[in-house]
Amino acid sequence: MHMLLLPALLLALLLRVDGAPAADEILFLPGLQKQPSFKQYSGYLSVCDGKHLHYWFVESQNDPSKDPVVLWLNGGPGCSSLDGLLTEHGPFLVQDDGISLEYNPSSWNKIANMLYLESPAGVGFSYADDQKYKTNDTEVSMMNYQALKEFFRLFPELSTNELFLTGESYGGIYIPTLAERVMEDDSLNLQGIAVGNGMSSYEMNDNALVYFAYYHGLLGSHLWAELQAFCCNDGKCDFFNNKNLNCSNSLAEVQVIVYSSGLNMYNLYASCPGGIHQRFSVDGGELIIRDLGNSFIKSQWTQLWTQKLRGLASVHRSVRLDPPCTNSTPSWLYLNNRYVKAALHISPKALDWVICSSEVNLNYGRLFMDVRKQYLKLLGALKYRILVYNGDVDMACNFMGDEWFVESLHQEVEVMRRPWTYVDTDGEQVGGFVKEFSNIAFLTVKGSGHMVPSDKPVAAFAMFSRFIRRQPY
């Protein structure tokens, strides 16, 4: 009996090992002094309408056969998830020379199989056969779902592993809208989602940003008094869609201070790499636009600004959209190196890599102004673990707006707001604050901006590992 079982077990093991697509395996990655002990793959996941989404998959350094698969999506909309890999929580981080990589001691693939997906088509190395990149939230959620299905078709040995969906910034829209589709598919072993500094509600984010700016000493007492007089009534303030002209004028002043005065909107207390830039510059005939504000989306000011960007983009052959106070040059140099592109099996149909696609961003249809419905559907299933986390000095997607959003879901409180801690080389430290509800937690990371794993890598890894392993925060 046992002798008959042995060949079957050996066959199952061989199928599990050989499931991964050999053609996509990265055999030698330039920039590393020593090649990794874990396997990694890069290639394309083909989805509907001739779209091809580039992925970079790094196996877990622990036990890839049993560890969860974690999808990561950066935001924008239109920004590359390879920024998350190379500058946030990937196994190796790009260095300032744009040539070399150094191993990341706080890499999330120490405990998980990490799948970085460049989405939608037109972002990074992802492309469409027809080279048309106008899309919207609903199309993108379907595209990402199809890409996940294709990934598990290529890696069937991982199809029963636990699956977590994670992302940051506009990932606050991407992740719950994708999860809404994934939870309906029993073939995918979804366990939970985590969103960092996410856009969860435009209204709450915009309203909270004005309070954030005032409490952090940016507005001054005179402007604050005007905002209270013109935008508030009976103790309730509307900074999002207020029809009062005086209120709109005061909010325009807030926008100038937050977005145009030279502050780093992604980390109030950090310097602005490269100094205070103008919003436009031209380098070698290429127009560089430095703008990626998600806030005040319905305001007339923002509509006029978007029209101006589209007009400028239409008269330049090459346009780069760079987030303000962000240095993407090392990643740009590294990923456009022809030896790196060869190692990653990049298609000749793909465009040169840029951190954010202006074409995708400026033609993107934002259909969801909040994602309460998606969160409530996930919470109603009573089986998914959800984490909403925020660096507490980010102004792009501020912690207060996301805290309000989680509170608005009206879940039962299980653990009252308290400090959470982690251990670094100096001993036990306060990581921030956490409040836990039934199946969802809201957590802040003290002193971190928009990209939490970049600003606070040790704290971010502690948070991530507790989320993945279902440990108390």
Protein backbone atom coordinates (compact mmCIF):
# COMPACT_ATOMS: atom_id res chain seq x y z
CA MET A 1 0.00 0.00 0.00
CA HIS A 2 2.75 2.43 1.04
CA MET A 3 4.84 1.45 -2.01
CA LEU A 4 1.92 2.43 -4.29
CA LEU A 5 1.52 5.82 -2.59
CA LEU A 6 5.21 6.74 -2.99
CA PRO A 7 5.24 7.35 -6.79
CA ALA A 8 2.07 9.43 -6.48
CA LEU A 9 3.63 11.61 -3.77
CA LEU A 10 6.81 12.04 -5.81
CA LEU A 11 4.75 13.04 -8.85
CA ALA A 12 2.81 15.59 -6.80
CA LEU A 13 6.05 17.10 -5.50
CA LEU A 14 7.51 17.28 -9.01
CA LEU A 15 4.38 18.99 -10.33
CA ARG A 16 4.51 21.48 -7.46
CA VAL A 17 8.13 22.38 -8.19
CA ASP A 18 7.70 22.52 -11.96
CA GLY A 19 4.48 24.54 -11.98
CA ALA A 20 6.20 27.92 -12.20
CA PRO A 21 6.88 29.21 -15.74
CA ALA A 22 10.57 28.54 -16.43
CA ALA A 23 10.69 31.18 -19.18
CA ASP A 24 9.81 33.91 -16.64
CA GLU A 25 12.43 32.99 -14.04
CA ILE A 26 15.03 35.70 -13.39
CA LEU A 27 18.29 33.80 -13.62
CA PHE A 28 20.64 36.76 -13.06
CA LEU A 29 19.63 40.19 -11.79
CA PRO A 30 22.11 43.01 -12.52
CA GLY A 31 23.14 45.25 -9.64
CA LEU A 32 23.41 42.61 -6.93
CA GLN A 33 26.78 41.62 -5.50
CA LYS A 34 25.33 38.20 -4.74
CA GLN A 35 22.33 36.59 -6.41
CA PRO A 36 19.44 35.67 -4.07
CA SER A 37 18.81 32.22 -2.63
CA PHE A 38 15.07 32.54 -3.32
CA LYS A 39 13.52 32.29 -6.77
CA GLN A 40 12.01 35.25 -8.59
CA TYR A 41 10.05 35.63 -11.81
CA SER A 42 9.19 38.47 -14.16
CA GLY A 43 6.91 38.40 -17.17
CA TYR A 44 3.42 39.22 -18.38
CA LEU A 45 -0.08 38.29 -17.31
CA SER A 46 -2.33 38.65 -20.36
CA VAL A 47 -5.89 39.79 -19.71
CA CYS A 48 -8.87 40.87 -21.83
CA ASP A 49 -8.74 43.18 -24.85
CA GLY A 50 -5.10 42.52 -25.63
CA LYS A 51 -3.72 43.97 -22.40
CA HIS A 52 -0.53 42.61 -20.87
CA LEU A 53 0.26 43.41 -17.24
CA HIS A 54 3.86 43.11 -16.15
CA TYR A 55 4.48 41.26 -12.90
CA TRP A 56 7.56 40.68 -10.75
CA PHE A 57 7.15 37.82 -8.29
CA VAL A 58 9.59 37.09 -5.47
CA GLU A 59 9.24 33.88 -3.53
CA SER A 60 9.22 33.87 0.25
CA GLN A 61 12.58 33.50 1.96
CA ASN A 62 10.89 31.35 4.59
CA ASP A 63 8.71 28.55 3.14
CA PRO A 64 7.33 29.49 -0.29
CA SER A 65 5.25 26.31 -0.57
CA LYS A 66 3.22 27.23 2.53
CA ASP A 67 3.61 30.98 3.02
CA PRO A 68 0.83 33.28 1.77
CA VAL A 69 0.78 35.01 -1.60
CA VAL A 70 0.56 38.78 -1.13
CA LEU A 71 -0.41 41.02 -4.04
CA TRP A 72 0.95 44.59 -3.86
CA LEU A 73 -0.42 47.54 -5.86
CA ASN A 74 0.90 51.09 -5.80
CA GLY A 75 -1.56 53.87 -6.53
CA GLY A 76 -1.68 56.99 -8.64
CA PRO A 77 -3.83 56.10 -10.46
CA GLY A 78 -1.13 55.25 -12.97
CA CYS A 79 1.92 54.59 -10.77
CA SER A 80 4.13 51.53 -10.89
CA SER A 81 4.18 48.84 -8.21
CA LEU A 82 7.87 48.36 -8.92
CA ASP A 83 8.32 51.51 -6.84
CA GLY A 84 7.01 49.44 -3.93
CA LEU A 85 9.48 46.67 -4.75
CA LEU A 86 12.59 48.80 -5.29
CA THR A 87 12.08 51.57 -2.71
CA GLU A 88 9.68 50.24 -0.06
CA HIS A 89 9.50 46.59 0.98
CA GLY A 90 11.05 44.48 -1.78
CA PRO A 91 13.97 42.11 -1.11
CA PHE A 92 16.45 44.59 -2.57
CA LEU A 93 16.40 48.38 -2.75
CA VAL A 94 17.79 50.48 -5.60
CA GLN A 95 20.68 52.74 -4.62
CA ASP A 96 21.26 56.38 -5.53
CA ASP A 97 23.63 55.46 -8.39
CA GLY A 98 20.75 53.86 -10.29
CA ILE A 99 22.95 50.83 -10.93
CA SER A 100 23.30 48.82 -7.74
CA LEU A 101 20.87 47.03 -5.44
CA GLU A 102 21.26 46.32 -1.72
CA TYR A 103 19.41 43.65 0.22
CA ASN A 104 16.58 44.93 2.41
CA PRO A 105 16.67 43.54 5.98
CA SER A 106 12.98 44.44 6.39
CA SER A 107 11.76 42.88 3.15
CA TRP A 108 8.21 41.60 3.25
CA ASN A 109 9.23 38.49 1.30
CA LYS A 110 10.98 37.24 4.42
CA ILE A 111 7.60 35.77 5.40
CA ALA A 112 5.45 35.95 2.23
CA ASN A 113 5.45 35.32 -1.50
CA MET A 114 5.22 38.86 -2.90
CA LEU A 115 3.53 39.59 -6.24
CA TYR A 116 4.15 43.12 -7.60
CA LEU A 117 1.75 43.94 -10.44
CA GLU A 118 2.09 46.96 -12.73
CA SER A 119 -1.51 47.96 -13.29
CA PRO A 120 -3.38 49.10 -15.31
CA ALA A 121 -1.99 48.65 -18.82
CA GLY A 122 0.16 51.66 -19.72
CA VAL A 123 1.81 51.71 -16.28
CA GLY A 124 5.49 50.80 -16.08
CA PHE A 125 6.24 47.94 -18.46
CA SER A 126 2.58 46.94 -18.89
CA TYR A 127 1.08 47.60 -22.31
CA ALA A 128 -1.92 47.12 -24.58
CA ASP A 129 -1.75 45.84 -28.14
CA ASP A 130 -3.81 48.81 -29.35
CA GLN A 131 -1.77 51.28 -27.25
CA LYS A 132 -4.97 52.83 -25.87
CA TYR A 133 -4.77 53.47 -22.15
CA LYS A 134 -8.00 55.19 -21.18
CA THR A 135 -9.60 53.21 -18.35
CA ASN A 136 -11.59 53.48 -15.12
CA ASP A 137 -12.03 51.91 -11.68
CA THR A 138 -14.37 49.13 -12.80
CA GLU A 139 -12.24 48.08 -15.77
CA VAL A 140 -9.12 48.07 -13.59
CA SER A 141 -10.68 45.88 -10.90
CA MET A 142 -11.64 43.36 -13.59
CA MET A 143 -8.18 43.59 -15.17
CA ASN A 144 -6.52 42.93 -11.81
CA TYR A 145 -8.85 40.02 -11.08
CA GLN A 146 -8.06 38.44 -14.45
CA ALA A 147 -4.33 38.98 -13.81
CA LEU A 148 -4.61 37.15 -10.48
CA LYS A 149 -6.38 34.24 -12.17
CA GLU A 150 -3.67 34.12 -14.83
CA PHE A 151 -0.94 34.23 -12.17
CA PHE A 152 -2.34 31.18 -10.40
CA ARG A 153 -2.71 29.42 -13.75
CA LEU A 154 1.02 29.95 -14.28
CA PHE A 155 1.82 29.07 -10.65
CA PRO A 156 -0.71 26.32 -9.82
CA GLU A 157 1.47 25.10 -6.95
CA LEU A 158 0.51 28.30 -5.06
CA SER A 159 -3.22 28.25 -5.84
CA THR A 160 -4.22 26.87 -2.42
CA ASN A 161 -1.96 29.19 -0.42
CA GLU A 162 -3.55 31.96 1.59
CA LEU A 163 -4.03 35.14 -0.47
CA PHE A 164 -3.82 38.72 0.80
CA LEU A 165 -4.44 41.85 -1.28
CA THR A 166 -2.41 44.91 -0.26
CA GLY A 167 -1.59 48.36 -1.61
CA GLU A 168 -1.21 52.04 -0.83
CA SER A 169 -2.51 55.46 -1.90
CA TYR A 170 -4.97 54.98 -4.81
CA GLY A 171 -4.64 51.33 -3.86
CA GLY A 172 -7.31 52.40 -1.38
CA ILE A 173 -9.67 52.15 -4.38
CA TYR A 174 -7.89 49.35 -6.27
CA ILE A 175 -7.74 46.86 -3.38
CA PRO A 176 -11.32 46.81 -2.01
CA THR A 177 -12.85 46.89 -5.52
CA LEU A 178 -10.62 43.95 -6.48
CA ALA A 179 -11.44 42.15 -3.22
CA GLU A 180 -15.14 42.48 -4.01
CA ARG A 181 -14.55 40.32 -7.09
CA VAL A 182 -12.07 37.92 -5.49
CA MET A 183 -14.34 37.11 -2.54
CA GLU A 184 -16.91 35.71 -4.99
CA ASP A 185 -14.36 33.24 -6.42
CA ASP A 186 -14.02 30.14 -4.25
CA SER A 187 -10.93 29.03 -6.17
CA LEU A 188 -8.99 31.94 -4.65
CA ASN A 189 -8.10 31.53 -0.97
CA LEU A 190 -8.64 35.17 0.04
CA GLN A 191 -7.85 35.83 3.71
CA GLY A 192 -7.79 39.60 3.97
CA ILE A 193 -6.70 43.01 2.71
CA ALA A 194 -4.38 45.74 3.94
CA VAL A 195 -4.38 49.34 2.67
CA GLY A 196 -1.71 51.88 3.54
CA ASN A 197 -2.40 55.63 3.38
CA GLY A 198 -5.29 54.83 1.10
CA MET A 199 -7.86 56.97 -0.64
CA SER A 200 -10.98 55.56 1.02
CA SER A 201 -13.31 58.58 0.84
CA TYR A 202 -12.64 61.81 -1.04
CA GLU A 203 -15.01 63.72 1.20
CA MET A 204 -13.49 62.52 4.47
CA ASN A 205 -9.94 62.94 3.18
CA ASP A 206 -10.55 66.52 2.04
CA ASN A 207 -12.41 67.53 5.19
CA ALA A 208 -9.76 65.97 7.42
CA LEU A 209 -6.87 67.55 5.50
CA VAL A 210 -7.96 71.07 6.49
CA TYR A 211 -8.00 70.09 10.16
CA PHE A 212 -4.65 68.29 9.71
CA ALA A 213 -3.09 71.39 8.15
CA TYR A 214 -4.35 73.66 10.92
CA TYR A 215 -3.34 71.34 13.77
CA HIS A 216 0.15 71.06 12.26
CA GLY A 217 0.62 74.82 12.23
CA LEU A 218 0.29 75.39 8.49
CA LEU A 219 -2.72 77.71 8.23
CA GLY A 220 -2.50 80.34 10.96
CA SER A 221 -5.30 81.72 13.13
CA HIS A 222 -6.63 84.27 10.59
CA LEU A 223 -7.18 81.74 7.77
CA TRP A 224 -8.61 79.24 10.25
CA ALA A 225 -11.10 81.84 11.50
CA GLU A 226 -12.17 82.51 7.88
CA LEU A 227 -12.61 78.80 7.22
CA GLN A 228 -14.73 78.46 10.35
CA ALA A 229 -16.85 81.47 9.39
CA PHE A 230 -17.40 80.61 5.72
CA CYS A 231 -17.29 76.79 5.59
CA CYS A 232 -18.93 75.77 8.87
CA ASN A 233 -22.49 75.89 10.12
CA ASP A 234 -23.79 74.78 13.53
CA GLY A 235 -20.43 73.21 14.35
CA LYS A 236 -20.30 71.12 11.16
CA CYS A 237 -17.71 72.02 8.51
CA ASP A 238 -17.89 71.17 4.81
CA PHE A 239 -14.51 71.64 3.14
CA PHE A 240 -15.32 69.19 0.35
CA ASN A 241 -18.19 70.52 -1.74
CA ASN A 242 -19.12 73.86 -0.23
CA LYS A 243 -21.00 76.28 -2.52
CA ASN A 244 -20.07 79.37 -0.50
CA LEU A 245 -17.73 81.50 -2.64
CA ASN A 246 -15.86 82.86 0.39
CA CYS A 247 -15.31 79.29 1.57
CA SER A 248 -13.96 78.31 -1.86
CA ASN A 249 -11.54 81.25 -1.78
CA SER A 250 -10.29 80.25 1.67
CA LEU A 251 -9.87 76.63 0.56
CA ALA A 252 -7.85 77.82 -2.44
CA GLU A 253 -5.42 79.35 0.08
CA VAL A 254 -5.24 76.00 1.89
CA GLN A 255 -4.45 74.25 -1.39
CA VAL A 256 -1.63 76.66 -2.17
CA ILE A 257 -0.10 76.13 1.27
CA VAL A 258 -0.39 72.31 1.19
CA TYR A 259 0.49 71.66 -2.45
CA SER A 260 2.39 74.66 -3.82
CA SER A 261 4.41 76.24 -1.01
CA GLY A 262 7.27 73.75 -1.18
CA LEU A 263 6.11 71.38 1.55
CA ASN A 264 6.54 67.66 0.98
CA MET A 265 2.91 66.55 0.67
CA TYR A 266 3.91 62.92 1.23
CA ASN A 267 5.78 63.61 4.46
CA LEU A 268 5.29 66.98 6.14
CA TYR A 269 8.45 66.64 8.24
CA ALA A 270 10.74 65.41 5.46
CA SER A 271 12.77 67.57 3.12
CA CYS A 272 11.87 67.86 -0.56
CA PRO A 273 14.41 65.82 -2.58
CA GLY A 274 16.01 68.04 -5.19
CA GLY A 275 14.66 71.17 -3.52
CA ILE A 276 11.43 73.03 -4.17
CA HIS A 277 10.53 72.36 -7.80
CA GLN A 278 8.32 74.23 -10.14
CA ARG A 279 5.42 72.12 -11.33
CA PHE A 280 6.77 71.81 -14.86
CA SER A 281 10.25 71.37 -16.30
CA VAL A 282 11.67 70.18 -19.58
CA ASP A 283 14.66 67.83 -19.63
CA GLY A 284 16.09 66.77 -22.99
CA GLY A 285 12.84 67.60 -24.77
CA GLU A 286 10.79 65.64 -22.24
CA LEU A 287 8.10 67.47 -20.28
CA ILE A 288 8.17 66.53 -16.58
CA ILE A 289 4.95 67.21 -14.65
CA ARG A 290 5.24 67.03 -10.88
CA ASP A 291 1.72 66.58 -9.63
CA LEU A 292 -0.31 63.72 -8.21
CA GLY A 293 -2.76 65.27 -5.77
CA ASN A 294 -5.85 63.16 -5.11
CA SER A 295 -7.57 65.75 -2.97
CA PHE A 296 -10.21 68.38 -3.70
CA ILE A 297 -11.15 66.30 -6.72
CA LYS A 298 -14.52 67.97 -7.32
CA SER A 299 -13.32 71.52 -6.97
CA GLN A 300 -13.30 73.90 -9.94
CA TRP A 301 -9.63 74.60 -9.17
CA THR A 302 -8.70 70.96 -9.74
CA GLN A 303 -10.76 70.69 -12.93
CA LEU A 304 -8.97 73.71 -14.40
CA TRP A 305 -5.61 72.25 -13.32
CA THR A 306 -6.35 68.91 -15.02
CA GLN A 307 -7.34 70.71 -18.24
CA LYS A 308 -4.03 72.59 -18.13
CA LEU A 309 -2.07 69.35 -17.67
CA ARG A 310 -3.87 67.72 -20.59
CA GLY A 311 -3.16 70.73 -22.77
CA LEU A 312 0.55 70.66 -21.94
CA ALA A 313 0.75 66.89 -22.42
CA SER A 314 -0.86 67.14 -25.87
CA VAL A 315 1.90 69.37 -27.28
CA HIS A 316 4.87 67.35 -25.97
CA ARG A 317 5.94 64.10 -27.56
CA SER A 318 7.24 62.67 -24.27
CA VAL A 319 5.64 63.35 -20.90
CA ARG A 320 6.70 62.12 -17.46
CA LEU A 321 4.43 62.43 -14.44
CA ASP A 322 6.52 62.52 -11.26
CA PRO A 323 5.07 62.84 -7.76
CA PRO A 324 6.33 66.08 -6.15
CA CYS A 325 9.27 65.82 -3.73
CA THR A 326 9.99 62.29 -4.97
CA ASN A 327 13.27 61.18 -6.53
CA SER A 328 12.44 58.43 -9.02
CA THR A 329 15.67 58.85 -11.02
CA PRO A 330 17.52 55.83 -9.47
CA SER A 331 14.62 53.49 -10.27
CA TRP A 332 14.23 55.07 -13.73
CA LEU A 333 17.91 54.54 -14.51
CA TYR A 334 17.94 50.98 -13.17
CA LEU A 335 14.77 49.72 -14.84
CA ASN A 336 15.59 51.25 -18.24
CA ASN A 337 19.02 49.63 -18.30
CA ARG A 338 18.94 47.23 -21.26
CA TYR A 339 20.56 44.42 -19.26
CA VAL A 340 17.96 44.78 -16.50
CA LYS A 341 15.13 44.80 -19.06
CA ALA A 342 16.56 41.63 -20.61
CA ALA A 343 16.78 39.97 -17.18
CA LEU A 344 13.15 40.90 -16.50
CA HIS A 345 11.99 39.63 -19.92
CA ILE A 346 10.48 43.00 -20.81
CA SER A 347 8.56 43.06 -24.08
CA PRO A 348 9.87 45.30 -26.89
CA LYS A 349 6.28 46.60 -27.10
CA ALA A 350 6.53 48.10 -23.62
CA LEU A 351 7.29 51.80 -23.18
CA ASP A 352 10.30 53.02 -21.23
CA TRP A 353 9.66 52.72 -17.49
CA VAL A 354 8.52 55.82 -15.60
CA ILE A 355 7.25 55.92 -12.02
CA CYS A 356 3.79 57.23 -13.07
CA SER A 357 2.09 57.31 -16.45
CA SER A 358 0.69 60.72 -17.40
CA GLU A 359 -1.48 59.15 -20.10
CA VAL A 360 -3.10 56.71 -17.67
CA ASN A 361 -3.49 59.31 -14.91
CA LEU A 362 -4.93 62.12 -17.02
CA ASN A 363 -7.41 59.83 -18.82
CA TYR A 364 -8.47 57.81 -15.80
CA GLY A 365 -12.17 57.56 -14.86
CA ARG A 366 -12.61 57.78 -11.09
CA LEU A 367 -15.96 56.09 -10.50
CA PHE A 368 -15.82 55.54 -6.73
CA MET A 369 -15.85 58.54 -4.41
CA ASP A 370 -15.73 56.17 -1.43
CA VAL A 371 -15.48 52.40 -0.91
CA ARG A 372 -17.78 51.90 2.09
CA LYS A 373 -19.92 49.38 0.15
CA GLN A 374 -16.91 47.20 -0.61
CA TYR A 375 -15.63 47.26 2.98
CA LEU A 376 -19.06 46.47 4.40
CA LYS A 377 -19.42 43.54 2.00
CA LEU A 378 -16.04 42.14 3.12
CA LEU A 379 -16.87 42.71 6.79
CA GLY A 380 -20.29 41.11 6.32
CA ALA A 381 -18.63 37.84 5.33
CA LEU A 382 -17.19 37.66 8.87
CA LYS A 383 -14.04 35.85 7.74
CA TYR A 384 -11.61 38.38 6.27
CA ARG A 385 -8.90 40.21 8.19
CA ILE A 386 -8.68 43.91 7.25
CA LEU A 387 -5.98 46.44 8.15
CA VAL A 388 -6.12 50.15 7.34
CA TYR A 389 -2.80 51.80 8.24
CA ASN A 390 -1.47 55.34 7.85
CA GLY A 391 1.78 57.15 8.33
CA ASP A 392 0.70 60.06 10.51
CA VAL A 393 2.55 62.91 8.74
CA ASP A 394 1.24 62.26 5.21
CA MET A 395 -0.88 65.00 3.63
CA ALA A 396 -1.80 63.21 0.38
CA CYS A 397 -4.02 60.67 2.17
CA ASN A 398 -4.03 61.79 5.79
CA PHE A 399 -4.53 59.53 8.79
CA MET A 400 -7.53 61.44 10.15
CA GLY A 401 -9.63 60.92 7.02
CA ASP A 402 -8.95 57.18 7.02
CA GLU A 403 -9.65 56.96 10.75
CA TRP A 404 -13.00 58.70 10.18
CA PHE A 405 -13.67 56.26 7.33
CA VAL A 406 -13.05 53.17 9.48
CA GLU A 407 -15.18 54.63 12.28
CA SER A 408 -17.99 55.26 9.76
CA LEU A 409 -18.26 51.50 9.15
CA HIS A 410 -19.76 51.19 12.66
CA GLN A 411 -18.11 47.91 13.59
CA GLU A 412 -18.01 46.59 17.12
CA VAL A 413 -14.95 47.81 19.04
CA GLU A 414 -12.82 44.97 20.40
CA VAL A 415 -9.69 46.83 21.55
CA MET A 416 -9.81 50.54 22.39
CA ARG A 417 -7.24 52.87 20.81
CA ARG A 418 -3.84 52.22 22.35
CA PRO A 419 -0.13 52.47 21.51
CA TRP A 420 1.44 49.55 19.67
CA THR A 421 5.14 48.72 19.95
CA TYR A 422 7.94 47.00 18.05
CA VAL A 423 11.60 46.29 18.75
CA ASP A 424 14.53 47.88 16.89
CA THR A 425 18.24 48.20 17.65
CA ASP A 426 17.46 50.72 20.41
CA GLY A 427 14.96 48.42 22.14
CA GLU A 428 11.18 48.53 22.35
CA GLN A 429 9.65 51.53 20.59
CA VAL A 430 6.16 53.00 20.19
CA GLY A 431 5.16 52.32 16.59
CA GLY A 432 2.00 54.41 16.66
CA PHE A 433 -1.58 53.78 17.74
CA VAL A 434 -4.11 51.08 16.91
CA LYS A 435 -7.83 50.58 17.40
CA GLU A 436 -9.32 47.18 16.68
CA PHE A 437 -12.87 46.37 15.63
CA SER A 438 -14.48 43.09 14.59
CA ASN A 439 -12.30 41.90 11.66
CA ILE A 440 -10.84 45.37 10.94
CA ALA A 441 -8.12 47.46 12.58
CA PHE A 442 -7.03 51.06 12.09
CA LEU A 443 -3.34 51.65 12.80
CA THR A 444 -1.05 54.68 12.62
CA VAL A 445 2.71 54.59 12.13
CA LYS A 446 4.35 57.36 14.14
CA GLY A 447 6.54 59.78 12.20
CA SER A 448 5.93 58.12 8.83
CA GLY A 449 4.69 59.71 5.63
CA HIS A 450 2.83 58.28 2.64
CA MET A 451 5.27 55.42 1.91
CA VAL A 452 5.36 53.72 5.32
CA PRO A 453 7.84 50.91 4.49
CA SER A 454 10.32 53.50 3.13
CA ASP A 455 10.06 55.82 6.13
CA LYS A 456 9.74 53.25 8.92
CA PRO A 457 10.89 49.88 7.52
CA VAL A 458 11.29 48.03 10.85
CA ALA A 459 7.93 49.21 12.20
CA ALA A 460 6.28 48.42 8.84
CA PHE A 461 7.63 44.87 8.85
CA ALA A 462 6.43 44.32 12.43
CA MET A 463 2.97 45.56 11.44
CA PHE A 464 2.91 43.43 8.26
CA SER A 465 4.03 40.25 10.01
CA ARG A 466 1.37 40.61 12.71
CA PHE A 467 -1.27 41.18 10.06
CA ILE A 468 -0.22 38.16 7.98
CA ARG A 469 0.21 35.87 11.00
CA ARG A 470 -2.98 37.01 12.76
CA GLN A 471 -1.06 38.17 15.80
CA PRO A 472 -2.19 41.03 18.06
CA TYR A 473 -0.88 44.41 16.93
